N, C-alpha and C. Protein backbone atom coordinates (compact mmCIF):
# COMPACT_ATOMS: atom_id res chain seq x y z
N UNK A 1 221.12 -65.50 90.99
CA UNK A 1 220.77 -64.11 91.15
C UNK A 1 219.31 -63.95 91.58
N UNK A 2 218.55 -65.03 91.53
CA UNK A 2 217.15 -64.95 91.94
C UNK A 2 216.98 -64.96 93.44
N UNK A 3 217.99 -65.40 94.16
CA UNK A 3 217.91 -65.49 95.61
C UNK A 3 218.61 -64.31 96.24
N UNK A 4 218.14 -63.90 97.41
CA UNK A 4 218.84 -62.82 98.11
C UNK A 4 220.17 -63.33 98.65
N UNK A 5 221.12 -62.42 98.88
CA UNK A 5 222.41 -62.87 99.43
C UNK A 5 222.23 -63.40 100.84
N UNK A 6 223.14 -64.25 101.25
CA UNK A 6 223.06 -64.77 102.60
C UNK A 6 223.39 -63.65 103.58
N UNK A 7 222.84 -63.71 104.78
CA UNK A 7 223.16 -62.69 105.78
C UNK A 7 224.66 -62.66 106.09
N UNK A 8 225.19 -61.49 106.37
CA UNK A 8 226.63 -61.31 106.59
C UNK A 8 227.15 -62.16 107.75
N UNK A 9 226.34 -62.43 108.74
CA UNK A 9 226.79 -63.20 109.90
C UNK A 9 226.77 -64.70 109.70
N UNK A 10 226.15 -65.18 108.63
CA UNK A 10 226.07 -66.62 108.38
C UNK A 10 227.41 -67.17 107.92
N UNK A 11 227.65 -68.43 108.25
CA UNK A 11 228.86 -69.10 107.81
C UNK A 11 228.81 -69.32 106.29
N UNK A 12 229.95 -69.25 105.65
CA UNK A 12 229.99 -69.44 104.20
C UNK A 12 229.58 -70.86 103.83
N UNK A 13 230.03 -71.82 104.62
CA UNK A 13 229.69 -73.21 104.38
C UNK A 13 228.94 -73.74 105.59
N UNK A 14 227.67 -74.05 105.41
CA UNK A 14 226.91 -74.60 106.53
C UNK A 14 227.09 -76.12 106.59
N UNK A 15 226.47 -76.72 107.56
CA UNK A 15 226.61 -78.17 107.78
C UNK A 15 226.18 -78.96 106.55
N UNK A 16 225.11 -78.55 105.90
CA UNK A 16 224.61 -79.26 104.72
C UNK A 16 225.64 -79.22 103.58
N UNK A 17 226.20 -78.06 103.32
CA UNK A 17 227.17 -77.92 102.24
C UNK A 17 228.42 -78.76 102.54
N UNK A 18 228.90 -78.70 103.76
CA UNK A 18 230.07 -79.49 104.13
C UNK A 18 229.80 -80.98 104.06
N UNK A 19 228.61 -81.39 104.50
CA UNK A 19 228.24 -82.81 104.45
C UNK A 19 228.21 -83.30 103.01
N UNK A 20 227.61 -82.52 102.13
CA UNK A 20 227.55 -82.93 100.73
C UNK A 20 228.94 -82.97 100.12
N UNK A 21 229.77 -82.00 100.44
CA UNK A 21 231.15 -81.99 99.92
C UNK A 21 231.91 -83.23 100.37
N UNK A 22 231.77 -83.59 101.64
CA UNK A 22 232.44 -84.79 102.15
C UNK A 22 231.89 -86.04 101.47
N UNK A 23 230.57 -86.12 101.30
CA UNK A 23 229.98 -87.28 100.64
C UNK A 23 230.42 -87.39 99.19
N UNK A 24 230.53 -86.25 98.52
CA UNK A 24 231.02 -86.27 97.14
C UNK A 24 232.47 -86.77 97.09
N UNK A 25 233.28 -86.28 97.99
CA UNK A 25 234.67 -86.73 98.04
C UNK A 25 234.77 -88.22 98.33
N UNK A 26 233.97 -88.69 99.27
CA UNK A 26 233.99 -90.11 99.60
C UNK A 26 233.47 -90.98 98.45
N UNK A 27 232.48 -90.50 97.73
CA UNK A 27 231.95 -91.29 96.60
C UNK A 27 232.96 -91.37 95.47
N UNK A 28 233.69 -90.28 95.22
CA UNK A 28 234.75 -90.33 94.20
C UNK A 28 235.87 -91.25 94.68
N UNK A 29 236.23 -91.15 95.94
CA UNK A 29 237.24 -92.04 96.50
C UNK A 29 236.81 -93.50 96.32
N UNK A 30 235.56 -93.79 96.62
CA UNK A 30 235.06 -95.17 96.46
C UNK A 30 235.16 -95.63 95.01
N UNK A 31 234.79 -94.77 94.08
CA UNK A 31 234.88 -95.13 92.67
C UNK A 31 236.32 -95.42 92.26
N UNK A 32 237.23 -94.58 92.71
CA UNK A 32 238.65 -94.76 92.36
C UNK A 32 239.20 -96.04 93.00
N UNK A 33 238.84 -96.29 94.24
CA UNK A 33 239.33 -97.49 94.92
C UNK A 33 238.77 -98.76 94.26
N UNK A 34 237.51 -98.73 93.87
CA UNK A 34 236.91 -99.89 93.20
C UNK A 34 237.65 -100.17 91.89
N UNK A 35 237.92 -99.11 91.11
CA UNK A 35 238.64 -99.30 89.85
C UNK A 35 240.06 -99.79 90.11
N UNK A 36 240.70 -99.24 91.12
CA UNK A 36 242.05 -99.68 91.48
C UNK A 36 242.05 -101.17 91.83
N UNK A 37 241.13 -101.57 92.70
CA UNK A 37 241.07 -102.99 93.10
C UNK A 37 240.72 -103.88 91.92
N UNK A 38 239.80 -103.43 91.06
CA UNK A 38 239.44 -104.19 89.87
C UNK A 38 240.67 -104.39 88.99
N UNK A 39 241.47 -103.35 88.86
CA UNK A 39 242.67 -103.43 88.04
C UNK A 39 243.71 -104.36 88.64
N UNK A 40 243.95 -104.22 89.94
CA UNK A 40 244.94 -105.04 90.62
C UNK A 40 244.52 -106.50 90.62
N UNK A 41 243.26 -106.75 90.95
CA UNK A 41 242.78 -108.13 90.99
C UNK A 41 242.69 -108.75 89.60
N UNK A 42 242.66 -107.90 88.57
CA UNK A 42 242.66 -108.40 87.20
C UNK A 42 244.06 -108.67 86.68
N UNK A 43 245.05 -108.63 87.58
CA UNK A 43 246.45 -108.92 87.24
C UNK A 43 246.99 -108.03 86.12
N UNK A 44 246.58 -106.77 86.12
CA UNK A 44 247.12 -105.82 85.15
C UNK A 44 248.50 -105.35 85.62
N UNK A 45 249.33 -104.96 84.67
CA UNK A 45 250.64 -104.42 85.06
C UNK A 45 250.48 -103.14 85.88
N UNK A 46 251.47 -102.87 86.72
CA UNK A 46 251.40 -101.70 87.61
C UNK A 46 251.16 -100.40 86.85
N UNK A 47 251.82 -100.22 85.71
CA UNK A 47 251.65 -98.97 84.98
C UNK A 47 250.24 -98.83 84.41
N UNK A 48 249.63 -99.94 84.05
CA UNK A 48 248.23 -99.90 83.58
C UNK A 48 247.27 -99.61 84.73
N UNK A 49 247.56 -100.17 85.90
CA UNK A 49 246.74 -99.89 87.08
C UNK A 49 246.78 -98.39 87.39
N UNK A 50 247.97 -97.80 87.33
CA UNK A 50 248.10 -96.36 87.57
C UNK A 50 247.32 -95.57 86.53
N UNK A 51 247.37 -96.00 85.28
CA UNK A 51 246.68 -95.28 84.21
C UNK A 51 245.17 -95.27 84.40
N UNK A 52 244.60 -96.42 84.64
CA UNK A 52 243.14 -96.48 84.76
C UNK A 52 242.68 -95.78 86.04
N UNK A 53 243.48 -95.87 87.09
CA UNK A 53 243.13 -95.18 88.33
C UNK A 53 243.22 -93.66 88.14
N UNK A 54 244.27 -93.21 87.48
CA UNK A 54 244.45 -91.79 87.19
C UNK A 54 243.31 -91.27 86.32
N UNK A 55 242.96 -92.01 85.28
CA UNK A 55 241.87 -91.60 84.39
C UNK A 55 240.56 -91.51 85.16
N UNK A 56 240.30 -92.44 86.04
CA UNK A 56 239.08 -92.41 86.86
C UNK A 56 239.06 -91.17 87.74
N UNK A 57 240.18 -90.84 88.35
CA UNK A 57 240.25 -89.68 89.21
C UNK A 57 240.02 -88.38 88.43
N UNK A 58 240.66 -88.26 87.28
CA UNK A 58 240.49 -87.05 86.47
C UNK A 58 239.05 -86.92 85.99
N UNK A 59 238.49 -88.00 85.46
CA UNK A 59 237.11 -87.97 84.96
C UNK A 59 236.12 -87.71 86.09
N UNK A 60 236.38 -88.26 87.26
CA UNK A 60 235.50 -88.02 88.41
C UNK A 60 235.52 -86.55 88.81
N UNK A 61 236.68 -85.93 88.79
CA UNK A 61 236.76 -84.51 89.13
C UNK A 61 236.05 -83.65 88.09
N UNK A 62 236.13 -84.02 86.83
CA UNK A 62 235.37 -83.30 85.81
C UNK A 62 233.88 -83.49 86.04
N UNK A 63 233.49 -84.69 86.44
CA UNK A 63 232.09 -84.94 86.78
C UNK A 63 231.63 -84.08 87.95
N UNK A 64 232.48 -83.92 88.95
CA UNK A 64 232.13 -83.06 90.09
C UNK A 64 231.94 -81.61 89.65
N UNK A 65 232.77 -81.16 88.73
CA UNK A 65 232.59 -79.80 88.22
C UNK A 65 231.22 -79.66 87.59
N UNK A 66 230.84 -80.65 86.80
CA UNK A 66 229.55 -80.58 86.10
C UNK A 66 228.35 -80.66 87.04
N UNK A 67 228.37 -81.60 87.98
CA UNK A 67 227.20 -81.76 88.84
C UNK A 67 227.05 -80.63 89.85
N UNK A 68 228.15 -79.95 90.17
CA UNK A 68 228.08 -78.87 91.16
C UNK A 68 227.81 -77.50 90.56
N UNK A 69 227.61 -77.41 89.27
CA UNK A 69 227.28 -76.11 88.67
C UNK A 69 225.96 -75.60 89.21
N UNK A 70 225.06 -76.50 89.54
CA UNK A 70 223.79 -76.12 90.15
C UNK A 70 223.37 -77.24 91.09
N UNK A 71 222.89 -76.83 92.25
CA UNK A 71 222.35 -77.83 93.18
C UNK A 71 220.85 -77.95 93.01
N UNK A 72 220.33 -77.30 92.01
CA UNK A 72 218.90 -77.30 91.76
C UNK A 72 218.58 -77.93 90.40
N UNK A 73 219.34 -77.57 89.38
CA UNK A 73 219.10 -78.06 88.03
C UNK A 73 219.96 -79.28 87.74
N UNK A 74 219.46 -80.12 86.83
CA UNK A 74 220.25 -81.29 86.43
C UNK A 74 221.48 -80.82 85.65
N UNK A 75 222.46 -81.70 85.57
CA UNK A 75 223.67 -81.38 84.82
C UNK A 75 223.33 -81.07 83.37
N UNK A 76 222.44 -81.85 82.79
CA UNK A 76 222.05 -81.62 81.40
C UNK A 76 221.44 -80.23 81.23
N UNK A 77 220.53 -79.85 82.13
CA UNK A 77 219.91 -78.52 82.02
C UNK A 77 220.92 -77.40 82.18
N UNK A 78 221.89 -77.57 83.07
CA UNK A 78 222.89 -76.51 83.22
C UNK A 78 223.75 -76.39 81.97
N UNK A 79 224.02 -77.51 81.30
CA UNK A 79 224.79 -77.45 80.06
C UNK A 79 224.01 -76.76 78.95
N UNK A 80 222.71 -77.01 78.91
CA UNK A 80 221.87 -76.44 77.85
C UNK A 80 221.48 -75.00 78.15
N UNK A 81 221.11 -74.72 79.40
CA UNK A 81 220.52 -73.42 79.73
C UNK A 81 221.53 -72.38 80.22
N UNK A 82 222.67 -72.79 80.68
CA UNK A 82 223.64 -71.85 81.24
C UNK A 82 224.92 -71.86 80.42
N UNK A 83 225.06 -70.85 79.61
CA UNK A 83 226.24 -70.74 78.77
C UNK A 83 227.46 -70.41 79.62
N UNK A 84 228.52 -71.16 79.42
CA UNK A 84 229.75 -70.92 80.14
C UNK A 84 230.92 -71.35 79.26
N UNK A 85 231.42 -70.43 78.43
CA UNK A 85 232.51 -70.80 77.52
C UNK A 85 233.76 -71.29 78.25
N UNK A 86 234.03 -70.74 79.42
CA UNK A 86 235.20 -71.17 80.18
C UNK A 86 235.10 -72.65 80.55
N UNK A 87 233.90 -73.08 80.92
CA UNK A 87 233.69 -74.48 81.27
C UNK A 87 234.04 -75.39 80.10
N UNK A 88 233.61 -75.00 78.92
CA UNK A 88 233.91 -75.81 77.73
C UNK A 88 235.42 -75.91 77.51
N UNK A 89 236.14 -74.83 77.71
CA UNK A 89 237.59 -74.83 77.56
C UNK A 89 238.24 -75.72 78.62
N UNK A 90 237.77 -75.63 79.84
CA UNK A 90 238.34 -76.44 80.92
C UNK A 90 238.11 -77.93 80.66
N UNK A 91 236.88 -78.29 80.32
CA UNK A 91 236.58 -79.69 80.05
C UNK A 91 237.37 -80.21 78.86
N UNK A 92 237.39 -79.44 77.78
CA UNK A 92 238.11 -79.88 76.58
C UNK A 92 239.61 -79.99 76.87
N UNK A 93 240.15 -79.01 77.54
CA UNK A 93 241.59 -79.03 77.85
C UNK A 93 241.95 -80.23 78.72
N UNK A 94 241.17 -80.47 79.75
CA UNK A 94 241.45 -81.60 80.64
C UNK A 94 241.36 -82.93 79.90
N UNK A 95 240.35 -83.08 79.07
CA UNK A 95 240.19 -84.33 78.32
C UNK A 95 241.30 -84.52 77.30
N UNK A 96 241.67 -83.44 76.63
CA UNK A 96 242.77 -83.53 75.66
C UNK A 96 244.08 -83.86 76.37
N UNK A 97 244.36 -83.18 77.48
CA UNK A 97 245.59 -83.46 78.22
C UNK A 97 245.62 -84.89 78.73
N UNK A 98 244.50 -85.36 79.25
CA UNK A 98 244.42 -86.74 79.71
C UNK A 98 244.71 -87.70 78.56
N UNK A 99 244.09 -87.45 77.43
CA UNK A 99 244.30 -88.30 76.25
C UNK A 99 245.75 -88.27 75.79
N UNK A 100 246.34 -87.08 75.76
CA UNK A 100 247.74 -86.96 75.32
C UNK A 100 248.68 -87.67 76.29
N UNK A 101 248.48 -87.46 77.59
CA UNK A 101 249.36 -88.10 78.57
C UNK A 101 249.26 -89.62 78.49
N UNK A 102 248.06 -90.12 78.23
CA UNK A 102 247.90 -91.58 78.16
C UNK A 102 248.26 -92.15 76.79
N UNK A 103 248.39 -91.30 75.78
CA UNK A 103 248.66 -91.79 74.42
C UNK A 103 250.10 -91.65 73.97
N UNK A 104 250.78 -90.62 74.41
CA UNK A 104 252.15 -90.37 73.96
C UNK A 104 253.12 -91.15 74.85
N UNK A 105 253.85 -92.03 74.22
CA UNK A 105 254.74 -92.94 74.97
C UNK A 105 255.69 -92.19 75.89
N UNK A 106 256.31 -91.12 75.43
CA UNK A 106 257.26 -90.37 76.26
C UNK A 106 256.61 -89.78 77.49
N UNK A 107 255.41 -89.25 77.34
CA UNK A 107 254.69 -88.70 78.50
C UNK A 107 254.24 -89.81 79.45
N UNK A 108 253.75 -90.90 78.87
CA UNK A 108 253.36 -92.04 79.72
C UNK A 108 254.55 -92.49 80.55
N UNK A 109 255.69 -92.61 79.92
CA UNK A 109 256.89 -93.05 80.64
C UNK A 109 257.30 -92.04 81.70
N UNK A 110 257.18 -90.76 81.39
CA UNK A 110 257.55 -89.72 82.36
C UNK A 110 256.69 -89.79 83.61
N UNK A 111 255.44 -90.20 83.45
CA UNK A 111 254.53 -90.31 84.59
C UNK A 111 254.37 -91.74 85.08
N UNK A 112 255.17 -92.65 84.56
CA UNK A 112 255.10 -94.07 84.92
C UNK A 112 253.70 -94.65 84.71
N UNK A 113 253.10 -94.28 83.60
CA UNK A 113 251.78 -94.78 83.25
C UNK A 113 251.89 -95.78 82.12
N UNK A 114 250.86 -96.58 81.96
CA UNK A 114 250.81 -97.54 80.87
C UNK A 114 249.72 -97.16 79.89
N UNK A 115 249.63 -97.93 78.84
CA UNK A 115 248.57 -97.66 77.86
C UNK A 115 247.23 -98.11 78.44
N UNK A 116 246.19 -97.49 77.91
CA UNK A 116 244.83 -97.76 78.39
C UNK A 116 244.02 -98.31 77.23
N UNK A 117 243.43 -99.48 77.40
CA UNK A 117 242.59 -100.04 76.35
C UNK A 117 241.25 -99.32 76.35
N UNK A 118 240.50 -99.50 75.28
CA UNK A 118 239.17 -98.89 75.19
C UNK A 118 238.29 -99.39 76.33
N UNK A 119 238.34 -100.68 76.60
CA UNK A 119 237.53 -101.25 77.68
C UNK A 119 237.91 -100.64 79.03
N UNK A 120 239.20 -100.46 79.28
CA UNK A 120 239.64 -99.86 80.54
C UNK A 120 239.22 -98.39 80.62
N UNK A 121 239.27 -97.70 79.49
CA UNK A 121 238.79 -96.31 79.45
C UNK A 121 237.31 -96.23 79.75
N UNK A 122 236.55 -97.18 79.23
CA UNK A 122 235.11 -97.20 79.51
C UNK A 122 234.83 -97.52 80.98
N UNK A 123 235.63 -98.38 81.57
CA UNK A 123 235.49 -98.67 83.00
C UNK A 123 235.76 -97.41 83.82
N UNK A 124 236.82 -96.68 83.47
CA UNK A 124 237.14 -95.44 84.17
C UNK A 124 236.00 -94.43 84.04
N UNK A 125 235.46 -94.31 82.83
CA UNK A 125 234.35 -93.40 82.60
C UNK A 125 233.11 -93.81 83.40
N UNK A 126 232.76 -95.09 83.33
CA UNK A 126 231.57 -95.58 84.05
C UNK A 126 231.72 -95.40 85.56
N UNK A 127 232.89 -95.68 86.07
CA UNK A 127 233.12 -95.52 87.51
C UNK A 127 233.03 -94.05 87.92
N UNK A 128 233.56 -93.17 87.08
CA UNK A 128 233.49 -91.74 87.42
C UNK A 128 232.05 -91.24 87.38
N UNK A 129 231.27 -91.71 86.43
CA UNK A 129 229.85 -91.34 86.39
C UNK A 129 229.13 -91.89 87.61
N UNK A 130 229.40 -93.14 87.94
CA UNK A 130 228.77 -93.76 89.11
C UNK A 130 229.14 -93.02 90.39
N UNK A 131 230.35 -92.52 90.47
CA UNK A 131 230.81 -91.83 91.67
C UNK A 131 230.13 -90.51 91.93
N UNK A 132 229.60 -89.88 90.88
CA UNK A 132 228.96 -88.57 91.07
C UNK A 132 227.47 -88.58 90.76
N UNK A 133 226.96 -89.67 90.19
CA UNK A 133 225.56 -89.72 89.76
C UNK A 133 224.57 -89.59 90.92
N UNK A 134 224.96 -90.04 92.10
CA UNK A 134 224.04 -89.96 93.24
C UNK A 134 223.63 -88.51 93.50
N UNK A 135 224.49 -87.56 93.18
CA UNK A 135 224.16 -86.17 93.45
C UNK A 135 223.04 -85.68 92.53
N UNK A 136 222.95 -86.23 91.33
CA UNK A 136 221.83 -85.90 90.45
C UNK A 136 220.52 -86.39 91.07
N UNK A 137 220.54 -87.56 91.65
CA UNK A 137 219.35 -88.09 92.34
C UNK A 137 219.03 -87.21 93.54
N UNK A 138 220.03 -86.79 94.27
CA UNK A 138 219.84 -85.91 95.42
C UNK A 138 219.17 -84.61 94.98
N UNK A 139 219.59 -84.04 93.85
CA UNK A 139 219.00 -82.79 93.37
C UNK A 139 217.52 -82.97 93.06
N UNK A 140 217.18 -84.09 92.45
CA UNK A 140 215.77 -84.36 92.13
C UNK A 140 214.96 -84.51 93.42
N UNK A 141 215.50 -85.24 94.38
CA UNK A 141 214.78 -85.47 95.64
C UNK A 141 214.59 -84.17 96.43
N UNK A 142 215.61 -83.33 96.48
CA UNK A 142 215.46 -82.07 97.23
C UNK A 142 214.55 -81.10 96.50
N UNK A 143 214.52 -81.15 95.18
CA UNK A 143 213.62 -80.28 94.42
C UNK A 143 212.17 -80.69 94.69
N UNK A 144 211.92 -81.96 94.86
CA UNK A 144 210.56 -82.42 95.16
C UNK A 144 210.10 -81.95 96.55
N UNK A 145 211.07 -81.81 97.46
CA UNK A 145 210.75 -81.33 98.80
C UNK A 145 210.76 -79.81 98.89
N UNK A 146 211.12 -79.16 97.79
CA UNK A 146 211.10 -77.72 97.77
C UNK A 146 212.34 -77.04 98.29
N UNK A 147 213.40 -77.78 98.49
CA UNK A 147 214.67 -77.21 98.97
C UNK A 147 215.53 -76.84 97.76
N UNK A 148 215.81 -75.57 97.61
CA UNK A 148 216.56 -75.17 96.43
C UNK A 148 217.78 -74.32 96.78
N UNK A 149 218.22 -74.34 98.00
CA UNK A 149 219.37 -73.52 98.35
C UNK A 149 220.63 -74.08 97.73
N UNK A 150 221.58 -73.25 97.50
CA UNK A 150 222.89 -73.51 96.91
C UNK A 150 222.77 -74.00 95.53
């Protein structure tokens, strides 16, 4: 609300916004592919490979939600300074649903998923953080240059 609205004739998504969106998508894709290959090359069963890959994708998308709340402030600052009860419900619901789907045998079977060990869950979490963390660095670098749009 501190910035004036964009002019009516401007495009909603400029080249910079689209470039960042594509880079974010590619970085999440890279994280998911790395976890998938790690799982396959580790001779894990197919259902376990699907589980860890699925968990990485879900966690990466939650990470994208968090890092994109502000292109100026860090994720931590947006969590502390910007109250958003809906965000808390979305994050909690997604994490609970992910946990339930991966924990309840009937649901796992319905989705052809396998059980996930703690170590595999940590790999999925680490990969999802790695897939979106570059954007936090980008925010710091652009803030130093004085660019605060979006």
